Every structure is written in C-alpha cells, then in structure tokens.
C-alpha atoms as a PDB file:
ATOM      1  CA  MET A   1      20.515  -5.766 -11.563  1.00  0.00           C
ATOM      2  CA  LYS A   2      18.531  -6.697 -14.242  1.00  0.00           C
ATOM      3  CA  PRO A   3      15.947  -3.756 -15.373  1.00  0.00           C
ATOM      4  CA  SER A   4      13.295  -6.281 -14.711  1.00  0.00           C
ATOM      5  CA  HIS A   5      13.717  -5.791 -10.931  1.00  0.00           C
ATOM      6  CA  PHE A   6      12.806  -2.436 -11.007  1.00  0.00           C
ATOM      7  CA  SER A   7       9.568  -3.073 -12.644  1.00  0.00           C
ATOM      8  CA  ARG A   8       7.765  -3.497  -9.692  1.00  0.00           C
ATOM      9  CA  ARG A   9       6.911   0.154  -9.840  1.00  0.00           C
ATOM     10  CA  GLN A  10       7.363   0.658 -13.105  1.00  0.00           C
ATOM     11  CA  PHE A  11      10.891   1.914 -12.598  1.00  0.00           C
ATOM     12  CA  LEU A  12      11.014   2.967 -16.551  1.00  0.00           C
ATOM     13  CA  GLY A  13       7.828   5.039 -16.421  1.00  0.00           C
ATOM     14  CA  ILE A  14       8.789   7.536 -13.335  1.00  0.00           C
ATOM     15  CA  ALA A  15       9.684  10.427 -15.471  1.00  0.00           C
ATOM     16  CA  GLY A  16       6.286  10.786 -16.883  1.00  0.00           C
ATOM     17  CA  GLY A  17       4.536  10.712 -13.630  1.00  0.00           C
ATOM     18  CA  ALA A  18       6.934  12.968 -12.147  1.00  0.00           C
ATOM     19  CA  ALA A  19       5.217  16.447 -12.760  1.00  0.00           C
ATOM     20  CA  ALA A  20       1.486  15.377 -11.887  1.00  0.00           C
ATOM     21  CA  SER A  21       0.993  17.289  -8.845  1.00  0.00           C
ATOM     22  CA  CYS A  22      -2.759  18.212  -9.513  1.00  0.00           C
ATOM     23  CA  VAL A  23      -5.441  15.062 -10.875  1.00  0.00           C
ATOM     24  CA  ALA A  24      -8.434  15.325 -12.334  1.00  0.00           C
ATOM     25  CA  PRO A  25     -11.816  14.051 -10.979  1.00  0.00           C
ATOM     26  CA  VAL A  26     -12.464  10.424 -10.696  1.00  0.00           C
ATOM     27  CA  VAL A  27     -13.528   9.112 -14.315  1.00  0.00           C
ATOM     28  CA  ALA A  28     -16.174   6.377 -15.323  1.00  0.00           C
ATOM     29  CA  ALA A  29     -14.681   2.947 -15.639  1.00  0.00           C
ATOM     30  CA  GLN A  30     -13.928   1.845 -19.331  1.00  0.00           C
ATOM     31  CA  VAL A  31     -14.488  -2.015 -19.572  1.00  0.00           C
ATOM     32  CA  THR A  32     -12.748  -3.216 -23.191  1.00  0.00           C
ATOM     33  CA  ASN A  33     -14.408  -5.656 -24.896  1.00  0.00           C
ATOM     34  CA  SER A  34     -17.132  -6.563 -22.144  1.00  0.00           C
ATOM     35  CA  PRO A  35     -20.862  -6.467 -22.373  1.00  0.00           C
ATOM     36  CA  VAL A  36     -20.865  -4.832 -19.178  1.00  0.00           C
ATOM     37  CA  THR A  37     -21.964  -1.101 -19.133  1.00  0.00           C
ATOM     38  CA  ALA A  38     -19.357   1.367 -17.388  1.00  0.00           C
ATOM     39  CA  ARG A  39     -20.546   2.218 -13.997  1.00  0.00           C
ATOM     40  CA  LYS A  40     -21.381   5.540 -12.740  1.00  0.00           C
ATOM     41  CA  PRO A  41     -18.330   7.020 -10.698  1.00  0.00           C
ATOM     42  CA  VAL A  42     -18.768   6.476  -6.574  1.00  0.00           C
ATOM     43  CA  LEU A  43     -16.246   9.117  -5.574  1.00  0.00           C
ATOM     44  CA  HIS A  44     -14.328  12.076  -6.372  1.00  0.00           C
ATOM     45  CA  VAL A  45     -10.737  13.109  -5.978  1.00  0.00           C
ATOM     46  CA  GLY A  46      -9.719  16.646  -5.794  1.00  0.00           C
ATOM     47  CA  ASP A  47      -6.319  18.135  -6.297  1.00  0.00           C
ATOM     48  CA  PHE A  48      -3.324  16.640  -4.612  1.00  0.00           C
ATOM     49  CA  LYS A  49      -1.258  19.026  -2.469  1.00  0.00           C
ATOM     50  CA  LYS A  50       2.506  17.964  -1.376  1.00  0.00           C
ATOM     51  CA  ILE A  51       2.443  17.677   2.420  1.00  0.00           C
ATOM     52  CA  TYR A  52       5.838  16.140   3.033  1.00  0.00           C
ATOM     53  CA  ASP A  53       8.965  16.139   1.178  1.00  0.00           C
ATOM     54  CA  PRO A  54      11.538  13.835   2.530  1.00  0.00           C
ATOM     55  CA  SER A  55      14.637  15.642   1.261  1.00  0.00           C
ATOM     56  CA  ILE A  56      14.246  18.562   3.345  1.00  0.00           C
ATOM     57  CA  GLY A  57      17.622  18.991   5.078  1.00  0.00           C
ATOM     58  CA  GLU A  58      19.401  16.487   2.714  1.00  0.00           C
ATOM     59  CA  LYS A  59      21.943  17.075   0.377  1.00  0.00           C
ATOM     60  CA  GLU A  60      20.429  14.350  -1.968  1.00  0.00           C
ATOM     61  CA  LYS A  61      17.065  13.544  -2.862  1.00  0.00           C
ATOM     62  CA  TRP A  62      14.839  10.927  -1.293  1.00  0.00           C
ATOM     63  CA  TYR A  63      11.803   9.406  -1.987  1.00  0.00           C
ATOM     64  CA  ILE A  64       8.564   7.989  -0.196  1.00  0.00           C
ATOM     65  CA  ASN A  65       6.738   4.877  -1.667  1.00  0.00           C
ATOM     66  CA  ASP A  66       4.144   2.729  -0.328  1.00  0.00           C
ATOM     67  CA  HIS A  67       3.210   4.562   3.228  1.00  0.00           C
ATOM     68  CA  THR A  68       0.882   4.601   5.821  1.00  0.00           C
ATOM     69  CA  PHE A  69      -0.787   7.208   8.092  1.00  0.00           C
ATOM     70  CA  ILE A  70      -2.097   6.532  11.866  1.00  0.00           C
ATOM     71  CA  ARG A  71      -3.260   8.866  14.137  1.00  0.00           C
ATOM     72  CA  ALA A  72      -2.341   8.353  17.678  1.00  0.00           C
ATOM     73  CA  GLU A  73      -4.307   8.491  20.884  1.00  0.00           C
ATOM     74  CA  ASP A  74      -2.676  11.948  21.480  1.00  0.00           C
ATOM     75  CA  GLY A  75      -4.143  13.614  18.597  1.00  0.00           C
ATOM     76  CA  GLN A  76      -0.569  13.119  16.634  1.00  0.00           C
ATOM     77  CA  TRP A  77      -0.663  11.892  13.223  1.00  0.00           C
ATOM     78  CA  HIS A  78       2.383   9.657  12.220  1.00  0.00           C
ATOM     79  CA  LEU A  79       3.504   8.558   8.804  1.00  0.00           C
ATOM     80  CA  PHE A  80       5.588   5.717   7.966  1.00  0.00           C
ATOM     81  CA  GLY A  81       6.713   4.601   4.456  1.00  0.00           C
ATOM     82  CA  ILE A  82       9.451   3.082   2.201  1.00  0.00           C
ATOM     83  CA  THR A  83      12.129   5.449   1.958  1.00  0.00           C
ATOM     84  CA  HIS A  84      15.701   5.750  -0.109  1.00  0.00           C
ATOM     85  CA  ARG A  85      17.934   8.330  -2.140  1.00  0.00           C
ATOM     86  CA  GLU A  86      16.894   8.916  -5.543  1.00  0.00           C
ATOM     87  CA  PRO A  87      16.605   7.036  -7.817  1.00  0.00           C
ATOM     88  CA  ALA A  88      14.656   4.153  -7.386  1.00  0.00           C
ATOM     89  CA  ALA A  89      16.464   1.073  -5.694  1.00  0.00           C
ATOM     90  CA  PRO A  90      13.806  -1.538  -4.675  1.00  0.00           C
ATOM     91  CA  LEU A  91      15.847  -4.083  -3.451  1.00  0.00           C
ATOM     92  CA  ASP A  92      17.798  -1.648  -1.323  1.00  0.00           C
ATOM     93  CA  GLU A  93      14.626  -0.408   0.544  1.00  0.00           C
ATOM     94  CA  LYS A  94      16.031  -1.147   4.123  1.00  0.00           C
ATOM     95  CA  ILE A  95      14.543   1.187   6.238  1.00  0.00           C
ATOM     96  CA  PHE A  96      11.064   3.041   6.993  1.00  0.00           C
ATOM     97  CA  ALA A  97      10.881   6.895   7.081  1.00  0.00           C
ATOM     98  CA  HIS A  98       8.915   8.427   9.705  1.00  0.00           C
ATOM     99  CA  ALA A  99       7.273  11.938   9.978  1.00  0.00           C
ATOM    100  CA  THR A 100       4.968  13.272  12.567  1.00  0.00           C
ATOM    101  CA  ALA A 101       2.164  16.228  12.270  1.00  0.00           C
ATOM    102  CA  PRO A 102      -0.443  18.014  14.653  1.00  0.00           C
ATOM    103  CA  ASN A 103      -2.787  17.823  11.431  1.00  0.00           C
ATOM    104  CA  LEU A 104      -3.337  15.566   8.692  1.00  0.00           C
ATOM    105  CA  MET A 105      -2.378  18.461   6.451  1.00  0.00           C
ATOM    106  CA  GLY A 106       0.985  19.235   8.264  1.00  0.00           C
ATOM    107  CA  PRO A 107       3.306  20.673   9.007  1.00  0.00           C
ATOM    108  CA  TRP A 108       5.276  17.399   9.309  1.00  0.00           C
ATOM    109  CA  THR A 109       8.078  16.950  11.010  1.00  0.00           C
ATOM    110  CA  ARG A 110      10.895  14.384  10.132  1.00  0.00           C
ATOM    111  CA  GLN A 111      11.666  11.437  12.909  1.00  0.00           C
ATOM    112  CA  ASP A 112      14.188   9.004  13.370  1.00  0.00           C
ATOM    113  CA  PRO A 113      13.555   6.178  10.777  1.00  0.00           C
ATOM    114  CA  ILE A 114      12.461   2.836  12.078  1.00  0.00           C
ATOM    115  CA  LEU A 115      12.702  -0.837  11.586  1.00  0.00           C
ATOM    116  CA  PRO A 116      16.080  -1.380   9.441  1.00  0.00           C
ATOM    117  CA  ALA A 117      15.761  -4.866   7.927  1.00  0.00           C
ATOM    118  CA  ASN A 118      17.267  -7.230   9.959  1.00  0.00           C
ATOM    119  CA  LYS A 119      18.552 -10.235   7.590  1.00  0.00           C
ATOM    120  CA  SER A 120      18.797 -13.054  11.217  1.00  0.00           C
ATOM    121  CA  ALA A 121      14.759 -12.003  11.312  1.00  0.00           C
ATOM    122  CA  GLY A 122      14.636 -13.035   7.353  1.00  0.00           C
ATOM    123  CA  GLU A 123      14.025  -9.693   5.929  1.00  0.00           C
ATOM    124  CA  THR A 124      16.232  -8.735   2.836  1.00  0.00           C
ATOM    125  CA  HIS A 125      14.220  -5.540   2.915  1.00  0.00           C
ATOM    126  CA  VAL A 126      11.138  -3.322   4.144  1.00  0.00           C
ATOM    127  CA  TRP A 127       8.412  -2.498   1.920  1.00  0.00           C
ATOM    128  CA  ALA A 128       4.821  -1.141   2.341  1.00  0.00           C
ATOM    129  CA  PRO A 129       3.853  -0.505   6.201  1.00  0.00           C
ATOM    130  CA  TYR A 130       0.348  -0.701   7.498  1.00  0.00           C
ATOM    131  CA  VAL A 131      -0.411   0.372  11.033  1.00  0.00           C
ATOM    132  CA  LEU A 132      -3.335   0.367  13.162  1.00  0.00           C
ATOM    133  CA  ARG A 133      -4.429   0.708  16.999  1.00  0.00           C
ATOM    134  CA  ASN A 134      -6.012  -2.185  18.650  1.00  0.00           C
ATOM    135  CA  ASP A 135      -6.109  -2.752  22.497  1.00  0.00           C
ATOM    136  CA  GLY A 136      -3.925   0.087  23.454  1.00  0.00           C
ATOM    137  CA  SER A 137      -0.890  -0.807  21.018  1.00  0.00           C
ATOM    138  CA  TYR A 138      -0.116  -0.041  17.186  1.00  0.00           C
ATOM    139  CA  TRP A 139       0.314  -2.944  14.750  1.00  0.00           C
ATOM    140  CA  MET A 140       2.433  -2.741  11.764  1.00  0.00           C
ATOM    141  CA  TYR A 141       2.300  -5.020   9.409  1.00  0.00           C
ATOM    142  CA  TYR A 142       5.076  -4.943   6.551  1.00  0.00           C
ATOM    143  CA  CYS A 143       6.769  -6.768   3.835  1.00  0.00           C
ATOM    144  CA  GLY A 144      10.604  -7.925   4.903  1.00  0.00           C
ATOM    145  CA  GLY A 145      11.476  -9.781   1.318  1.00  0.00           C
ATOM    146  CA  GLY A 146      12.355 -13.505   1.149  1.00  0.00           C
ATOM    147  CA  VAL A 147      15.291 -15.523   1.846  1.00  0.00           C
ATOM    148  CA  SER A 148      15.822 -18.558  -0.006  1.00  0.00           C
ATOM    149  CA  ASP A 149      17.807 -21.800   1.539  1.00  0.00           C
ATOM    150  CA  LYS A 150      21.138 -20.448  -0.094  1.00  0.00           C
ATOM    151  CA  GLY A 151      20.610 -17.049   1.409  1.00  0.00           C
ATOM    152  CA  GLY A 152      19.622 -15.323  -1.601  1.00  0.00           C
ATOM    153  CA  GLU A 153      16.114 -13.710  -2.613  1.00  0.00           C
ATOM    154  CA  ASP A 154      13.800 -15.636  -3.062  1.00  0.00           C
ATOM    155  CA  HIS A 155      10.668 -14.190  -4.420  1.00  0.00           C
ATOM    156  CA  ALA A 156       8.302 -17.312  -4.253  1.00  0.00           C
ATOM    157  CA  LYS A 157       8.616 -17.010  -0.300  1.00  0.00           C
ATOM    158  CA  TYR A 158       8.291 -13.377   0.250  1.00  0.00           C
ATOM    159  CA  ARG A 159       7.196 -12.669   3.969  1.00  0.00           C
ATOM    160  CA  ILE A 160       4.646 -10.550   5.662  1.00  0.00           C
ATOM    161  CA  HIS A 161       5.667  -9.387   8.962  1.00  0.00           C
ATOM    162  CA  LEU A 162       4.120  -8.129  11.982  1.00  0.00           C
ATOM    163  CA  ALA A 163       5.835  -5.510  14.619  1.00  0.00           C
ATOM    164  CA  THR A 164       4.284  -3.841  17.712  1.00  0.00           C
ATOM    165  CA  SER A 165       4.686  -0.483  19.717  1.00  0.00           C
ATOM    166  CA  THR A 166       3.002   1.316  22.321  1.00  0.00           C
ATOM    167  CA  ASP A 167       4.182   4.978  21.441  1.00  0.00           C
ATOM    168  CA  LEU A 168       4.829   4.667  17.532  1.00  0.00           C
ATOM    169  CA  PHE A 169       8.587   5.548  17.960  1.00  0.00           C
ATOM    170  CA  HIS A 170       9.837   1.989  19.439  1.00  0.00           C
ATOM    171  CA  TRP A 171       9.075  -0.957  17.764  1.00  0.00           C
ATOM    172  CA  GLU A 172       9.394  -4.629  18.728  1.00  0.00           C
ATOM    173  CA  ARG A 173       8.927  -7.380  15.864  1.00  0.00           C
ATOM    174  CA  SER A 174       6.919 -10.260  16.474  1.00  0.00           C
ATOM    175  CA  SER A 175       8.037 -13.754  17.877  1.00  0.00           C
ATOM    176  CA  ALA A 176       5.202 -15.248  15.642  1.00  0.00           C
ATOM    177  CA  ASN A 177       6.601 -13.803  12.182  1.00  0.00           C
ATOM    178  CA  PRO A 178       6.143 -14.450   9.519  1.00  0.00           C
ATOM    179  CA  MET A 179       2.607 -13.731   9.219  1.00  0.00           C
ATOM    180  CA  VAL A 180       1.880 -15.100   5.568  1.00  0.00           C
ATOM    181  CA  VAL A 181       4.721 -16.646   3.341  1.00  0.00           C
ATOM    182  CA  ASP A 182       3.486 -16.280  -0.418  1.00  0.00           C
ATOM    183  CA  GLY A 183       4.748 -15.105  -3.960  1.00  0.00           C
ATOM    184  CA  TYR A 184       5.477 -13.606  -6.129  1.00  0.00           C
ATOM    185  CA  ASP A 185       6.680 -11.188  -4.030  1.00  0.00           C
ATOM    186  CA  ALA A 186       3.970 -11.085  -1.706  1.00  0.00           C
ATOM    187  CA  ARG A 187       3.570  -7.278  -0.411  1.00  0.00           C
ATOM    188  CA  ASP A 188       1.677  -4.712   0.541  1.00  0.00           C
ATOM    189  CA  PRO A 189      -0.389  -5.649   3.317  1.00  0.00           C
ATOM    190  CA  MET A 190      -3.738  -3.825   4.597  1.00  0.00           C
ATOM    191  CA  VAL A 191      -5.821  -4.827   7.912  1.00  0.00           C
ATOM    192  CA  LEU A 192      -9.488  -4.745   8.464  1.00  0.00           C
ATOM    193  CA  LYS A 193     -11.572  -5.273  10.840  1.00  0.00           C
ATOM    194  CA  VAL A 194     -14.633  -7.387   9.065  1.00  0.00           C
ATOM    195  CA  ASP A 195     -17.820  -8.551  11.758  1.00  0.00           C
ATOM    196  CA  ASP A 196     -15.834 -10.452  14.333  1.00  0.00           C
ATOM    197  CA  GLN A 197     -12.648 -11.067  12.316  1.00  0.00           C
ATOM    198  CA  TRP A 198      -9.550  -9.043  11.030  1.00  0.00           C
ATOM    199  CA  VAL A 199      -9.129  -9.393   7.211  1.00  0.00           C
ATOM    200  CA  LEU A 200      -5.329  -9.000   6.123  1.00  0.00           C
ATOM    201  CA  TYR A 201      -5.118  -7.990   2.085  1.00  0.00           C
ATOM    202  CA  TYR A 202      -1.942  -8.174  -0.113  1.00  0.00           C
ATOM    203  CA  THR A 203      -0.855  -8.384  -3.681  1.00  0.00           C
ATOM    204  CA  ALA A 204       0.496 -11.605  -5.188  1.00  0.00           C
ATOM    205  CA  THR A 205       0.443 -14.031  -8.104  1.00  0.00           C
ATOM    206  CA  SER A 206      -1.811 -17.000  -8.726  1.00  0.00           C
ATOM    207  CA  THR A 207       0.837 -18.964  -8.292  1.00  0.00           C
ATOM    208  CA  PRO A 208       4.091 -18.257  -5.755  1.00  0.00           C
ATOM    209  CA  HIS A 209       6.173 -18.173  -8.995  1.00  0.00           C
ATOM    210  CA  GLY A 210       4.367 -15.632 -10.754  1.00  0.00           C
ATOM    211  CA  GLY A 211       0.850 -15.824 -12.922  1.00  0.00           C
ATOM    212  CA  ASN A 212      -2.030 -13.710 -13.204  1.00  0.00           C
ATOM    213  CA  HIS A 213      -1.658 -10.744 -10.604  1.00  0.00           C
ATOM    214  CA  THR A 214      -4.012 -11.007  -7.820  1.00  0.00           C
ATOM    215  CA  VAL A 215      -5.100  -9.586  -4.482  1.00  0.00           C
ATOM    216  CA  GLU A 216      -5.302 -12.479  -1.547  1.00  0.00           C
ATOM    217  CA  SER A 217      -6.827 -12.328   1.995  1.00  0.00           C
ATOM    218  CA  VAL A 218      -6.215 -14.042   4.878  1.00  0.00           C
ATOM    219  CA  THR A 219      -8.095 -13.916   8.233  1.00  0.00           C
ATOM    220  CA  SER A 220      -7.345 -14.032  11.959  1.00  0.00           C
ATOM    221  CA  GLN A 221      -9.034 -13.638  15.651  1.00  0.00           C
ATOM    222  CA  ASP A 222      -5.892 -12.216  17.252  1.00  0.00           C
ATOM    223  CA  LEU A 223      -4.091 -10.128  14.614  1.00  0.00           C
ATOM    224  CA  THR A 224      -0.949 -12.695  14.971  1.00  0.00           C
ATOM    225  CA  HIS A 225      -2.230 -15.988  13.535  1.00  0.00           C
ATOM    226  CA  TRP A 226      -3.600 -16.108   9.886  1.00  0.00           C
ATOM    227  CA  SER A 227      -5.130 -18.657   7.620  1.00  0.00           C
ATOM    228  CA  ASN A 228      -8.164 -19.305   5.125  1.00  0.00           C
ATOM    229  CA  LYS A 229      -6.477 -17.695   2.224  1.00  0.00           C
ATOM    230  CA  LYS A 230      -8.667 -16.540  -0.535  1.00  0.00           C
ATOM    231  CA  GLU A 231      -7.945 -15.004  -3.846  1.00  0.00           C
ATOM    232  CA  VAL A 232     -10.317 -12.003  -3.735  1.00  0.00           C
ATOM    233  CA  PHE A 233      -9.221 -10.384  -6.897  1.00  0.00           C
ATOM    234  CA  ARG A 234      -8.154 -11.310 -10.076  1.00  0.00           C
ATOM    235  CA  HIS A 235      -6.497  -9.643 -12.994  1.00  0.00           C
ATOM    236  CA  PRO A 236      -6.277 -10.846 -16.729  1.00  0.00           C
ATOM    237  CA  GLU A 237      -2.337  -9.452 -17.004  1.00  0.00           C
ATOM    238  CA  VAL A 238      -0.124 -12.141 -16.132  1.00  0.00           C
ATOM    239  CA  GLY A 239       3.315 -11.674 -14.773  1.00  0.00           C
ATOM    240  CA  THR A 240       5.914 -11.742 -11.651  1.00  0.00           C
ATOM    241  CA  TYR A 241       7.311  -8.112 -10.622  1.00  0.00           C
ATOM    242  CA  GLY A 242       4.859  -5.098 -10.713  1.00  0.00           C
ATOM    243  CA  GLY A 243       1.417  -5.396 -12.211  1.00  0.00           C
ATOM    244  CA  PRO A 244      -2.385  -3.956 -11.911  1.00  0.00           C
ATOM    245  CA  THR A 245      -2.805  -5.151  -8.013  1.00  0.00           C
ATOM    246  CA  GLU A 246      -0.503  -3.509  -5.999  1.00  0.00           C
ATOM    247  CA  SER A 247      -0.802  -1.602  -2.940  1.00  0.00           C
ATOM    248  CA  PRO A 248      -4.492  -2.986  -1.979  1.00  0.00           C
ATOM    249  CA  PHE A 249      -6.674  -0.781   0.080  1.00  0.00           C
ATOM    250  CA  VAL A 250     -10.176  -1.588   1.090  1.00  0.00           C
ATOM    251  CA  VAL A 251     -12.915   0.630   2.610  1.00  0.00           C
ATOM    252  CA  SER A 252     -16.060  -0.732   3.482  1.00  0.00           C
ATOM    253  CA  ARG A 253     -19.182   1.850   3.512  1.00  0.00           C
ATOM    254  CA  ASN A 254     -22.741   1.944   3.230  1.00  0.00           C
ATOM    255  CA  GLY A 255     -23.018  -1.831   2.927  1.00  0.00           C
ATOM    256  CA  LYS A 256     -20.707  -1.738   0.124  1.00  0.00           C
ATOM    257  CA  HIS A 257     -17.020  -2.805  -0.196  1.00  0.00           C
ATOM    258  CA  TYR A 258     -14.280  -1.070  -1.885  1.00  0.00           C
ATOM    259  CA  LEU A 259     -10.713  -2.394  -3.347  1.00  0.00           C
ATOM    260  CA  PHE A 260      -8.589   0.570  -4.190  1.00  0.00           C
ATOM    261  CA  VAL A 261      -5.376  -0.745  -6.211  1.00  0.00           C
ATOM    262  CA  CYS A 262      -2.466   0.856  -7.998  1.00  0.00           C
ATOM    263  CA  THR A 263      -2.378  -0.469 -11.695  1.00  0.00           C
ATOM    264  CA  ASN A 264       0.966   0.611 -12.997  1.00  0.00           C
ATOM    265  CA  ALA A 265      -0.948   1.369 -16.035  1.00  0.00           C
ATOM    266  CA  GLY A 266       0.309   4.679 -16.034  1.00  0.00           C
ATOM    267  CA  TYR A 267       2.717   5.187 -12.764  1.00  0.00           C
ATOM    268  CA  ASN A 268       0.139   7.571 -11.162  1.00  0.00           C
ATOM    269  CA  GLN A 269      -3.003   5.183 -11.647  1.00  0.00           C
ATOM    270  CA  SER A 270      -5.175   3.886  -8.931  1.00  0.00           C
ATOM    271  CA  ALA A 271      -8.544   2.045  -9.803  1.00  0.00           C
ATOM    272  CA  VAL A 272     -11.239   1.617  -7.606  1.00  0.00           C
ATOM    273  CA  TYR A 273     -13.583  -1.899  -7.399  1.00  0.00           C
ATOM    274  CA  GLU A 274     -17.120  -2.135  -5.909  1.00  0.00           C
ATOM    275  CA  SER A 275     -18.608  -5.292  -4.501  1.00  0.00           C
ATOM    276  CA  ASP A 276     -21.152  -6.743  -2.035  1.00  0.00           C
ATOM    277  CA  SER A 277     -18.699  -8.843  -0.420  1.00  0.00           C
ATOM    278  CA  PRO A 278     -15.213  -8.157   1.297  1.00  0.00           C
ATOM    279  CA  PHE A 279     -13.660 -11.424  -0.124  1.00  0.00           C
ATOM    280  CA  HIS A 280     -14.591 -10.827  -4.297  1.00  0.00           C
ATOM    281  CA  TRP A 281     -14.083  -8.242  -6.350  1.00  0.00           C
ATOM    282  CA  ASP A 282     -14.860  -8.485 -10.492  1.00  0.00           C
ATOM    283  CA  MET A 283     -12.929  -6.604 -13.017  1.00  0.00           C
ATOM    284  CA  ALA A 284     -16.431  -5.723 -14.594  1.00  0.00           C
ATOM    285  CA  ASN A 285     -17.281  -3.943 -11.027  1.00  0.00           C
ATOM    286  CA  GLU A 286     -14.792  -0.935 -11.684  1.00  0.00           C
ATOM    287  CA  VAL A 287     -16.471   2.285 -10.670  1.00  0.00           C
ATOM    288  CA  GLY A 288     -13.304   4.662 -11.124  1.00  0.00           C
ATOM    289  CA  LYS A 289      -9.635   5.882 -11.740  1.00  0.00           C
ATOM    290  CA  PHE A 290      -7.934   8.856 -10.352  1.00  0.00           C
ATOM    291  CA  PRO A 291      -4.072   9.612 -10.573  1.00  0.00           C
ATOM    292  CA  ALA A 292      -2.277   8.400  -7.770  1.00  0.00           C
ATOM    293  CA  HIS A 293       0.295   5.833  -7.075  1.00  0.00           C
ATOM    294  CA  ALA A 294       0.452   3.637  -3.807  1.00  0.00           C
ATOM    295  CA  ALA A 295      -3.065   5.445  -2.680  1.00  0.00           C
ATOM    296  CA  GLU A 296      -3.852   5.006   0.969  1.00  0.00           C
ATOM    297  CA  ILE A 297      -7.547   6.345   1.861  1.00  0.00           C
ATOM    298  CA  ILE A 298      -7.737   8.261   5.245  1.00  0.00           C
ATOM    299  CA  GLN A 299     -10.824   9.197   7.418  1.00  0.00           C
ATOM    300  CA  THR A 300     -10.380  11.947  10.046  1.00  0.00           C
ATOM    301  CA  PRO A 301     -12.112  12.010  13.271  1.00  0.00           C
ATOM    302  CA  GLU A 302     -14.075  14.733  11.778  1.00  0.00           C
ATOM    303  CA  GLY A 303     -15.323  12.611   9.073  1.00  0.00           C
ATOM    304  CA  LYS A 304     -13.430  13.988   6.055  1.00  0.00           C
ATOM    305  CA  TRP A 305     -11.677  11.513   3.470  1.00  0.00           C
ATOM    306  CA  TYR A 306      -8.702  12.131   1.451  1.00  0.00           C
ATOM    307  CA  ALA A 307      -6.475   9.909  -1.158  1.00  0.00           C
ATOM    308  CA  SER A 308      -2.736   9.945  -0.818  1.00  0.00           C
ATOM    309  CA  ARG A 309      -0.085   9.484  -2.958  1.00  0.00           C
ATOM    310  CA  ALA A 310       3.783   9.133  -3.243  1.00  0.00           C
ATOM    311  CA  GLY A 311       6.237   7.377  -4.911  1.00  0.00           C
ATOM    312  CA  TRP A 312       9.991   7.373  -6.902  1.00  0.00           C
ATOM    313  CA  GLY A 313      11.047  10.202  -8.392  1.00  0.00           C
ATOM    314  CA  GLN A 314       7.624  12.263  -6.845  1.00  0.00           C
ATOM    315  CA  GLY A 315       9.004  14.417  -4.698  1.00  0.00           C
ATOM    316  CA  GLY A 316       7.309  13.614  -1.700  1.00  0.00           C
ATOM    317  CA  VAL A 317       3.629  12.529  -0.217  1.00  0.00           C
ATOM    318  CA  TYR A 318       0.412  14.455  -1.575  1.00  0.00           C
ATOM    319  CA  LEU A 319      -3.137  14.314   0.028  1.00  0.00           C
ATOM    320  CA  ALA A 320      -6.260  15.034  -2.081  1.00  0.00           C
ATOM    321  CA  GLU A 321     -10.048  15.275  -0.298  1.00  0.00           C
ATOM    322  CA  LEU A 322     -12.032  12.243  -1.503  1.00  0.00           C
ATOM    323  CA  ASN A 323     -15.730  12.783  -1.773  1.00  0.00           C
ATOM    324  CA  TRP A 324     -18.156  10.074  -1.895  1.00  0.00           C
ATOM    325  CA  GLU A 325     -21.084  10.440  -4.435  1.00  0.00           C
ATOM    326  CA  THR A 326     -24.484  10.310  -2.771  1.00  0.00           C
END
C-alpha cells in the first residue's frame, strides 16, 4: 500500500502527537495574510483524561479513532468507534469498537464489536460512526468506503450508510443505503436537527476526485432520504486524502453555530469556526483551536460540556471539560 493511503489521519505524524495527554486552553485564532483581526476565543478546553483503553485484556495494542458517544434511555452511556490493532491501517478497519459505562467518565466496559464491514452491502471498511436517538430508535451513520465497478476501492464514490437499533447492541443496515455517495473519501458524518429538518454534515473535497478540502451538508425530513447538497465550508488547502476538514461536528448555541473540524496541522489539533448560519462558515471566523484529534462534543443531561479525542497511537479515548465563554 502506498504511504499516501495513510495520510487520511497524518500517519507519519503520530509519534509526535502520542504523548499529548493534557492540553492548554483554547487559543485565539490567527488568520494569516488576512485583514480580519483574530477573534476572541469562545470556549475553553481543559486537561484531557483517559477514560477508555481498548488494549486492556489484549495481547496487542489497539486504537480507537473517529468515535461517538450516546446516552441510552436507561441512562447508560455507549461509545462506538473505529478500531484496529496498532499500527494504523485505515483501509483495514473492518469493525466498530463498542463500550458501555454508567457515567460518561467511566468506568467503561468493553462490549462485543458491531457492524463488521459487509462487502455485499458495498462496504470496503467501516469508519467514523455517529449515533442519535429518535422516535425510540438509535440511528447510526457511518462511512462504508467505496467499491468500483471492477471491485476495487473507488475513493470518488465513498458511501455513507445507516444502521438502526432499538438497544444499541444489535444493528440492522437500512435497505435505503447508501444515504450519500461522494468523494474524495466522503466520510465522518454528523447529524443535527435544525428547525424542522435534519442536516447531515460530512467531509469531502470540492470535486469527487480531489480539490479543496470541504465540509458538505445534505438535508432530510425522515433521516433516510437525503438531498439538497451544499458546500458549507471550504479550506484553501487542496488534496485528496486527509486534509483540514475532517471529523466535522456542529453545535448550535445562543443563536450561533459552531463548526469543529480536525485540521491535521499536527495530529492533535481541532479548529472552531463561528457563524450565524448552520449552512456556511468562513475561514476568517475561526474562534479557537485546541489539541485534539477526531473530537466529539458532548453535553450531559446536567448541562456539562465535554470534548473528546482519540486516534492512532494515542492509547485510547480521552475527555476534557469544555466551558463556553460568556
């Protein structure tokens, strides 16, 4: 396999980022060669603490990369994520890790993995799950890779799939799959309810065969049929694999909308952009950075906010308190 296949998560930069178990506060955005003055940070991320190590009980080291948290109706927390033995092997990530805990900070218990990649369903691997609860069921969106007409990998036709569950342990793929087909390596879905519609955000490029790294959106009324594709964020960097728009996560708060993305400018770095619209963000409106890879933003029923991080060579999953500035 060519080394470029691993640059989806800056494979060569892992060694430098693996030791970062604590982080500094969010820093003000610095916009190079721009007349726009750096914005004041809008949030503060504290020290990261390891909450789960997938290698415990194993003879070999394992990692968790892009991941998601969901609190079940019975109050139990569930964690799902990309997993594989170390070292990084993104195109061989064929199952999702699953762990449960009575509290977000743990203790976490390893469960059987879920959703092994199904080639007959058009899946070459499984990446970046995101789970939400709606109408008594759990909905998981994830990247299933892409298959060419000749049976090989087709990075310009990556598929975002849906599976549903009533208990978070047993999952059934949707007969309506794929939800989205796009490139380059269209992946990392995240879903948010905006007014009376659902919005699915994902990372891609300005053309399916490569170009500017972007975040795209599609909308739905039923969580199954998606349309109205829009480019909601464009970075000036051009490429195919990897890039500075991975793991998009959107938080709507106090009339503003915040886009979190993994920049890959250093393995552990996420940037935050602010907007008045959930369908458009500009580079000039960056309002902070914090050291995290594949960050998810979690709010507990008690109203506390957390940011997570994980990744290749990181030793597990970490959480840090997130506090919004007033």
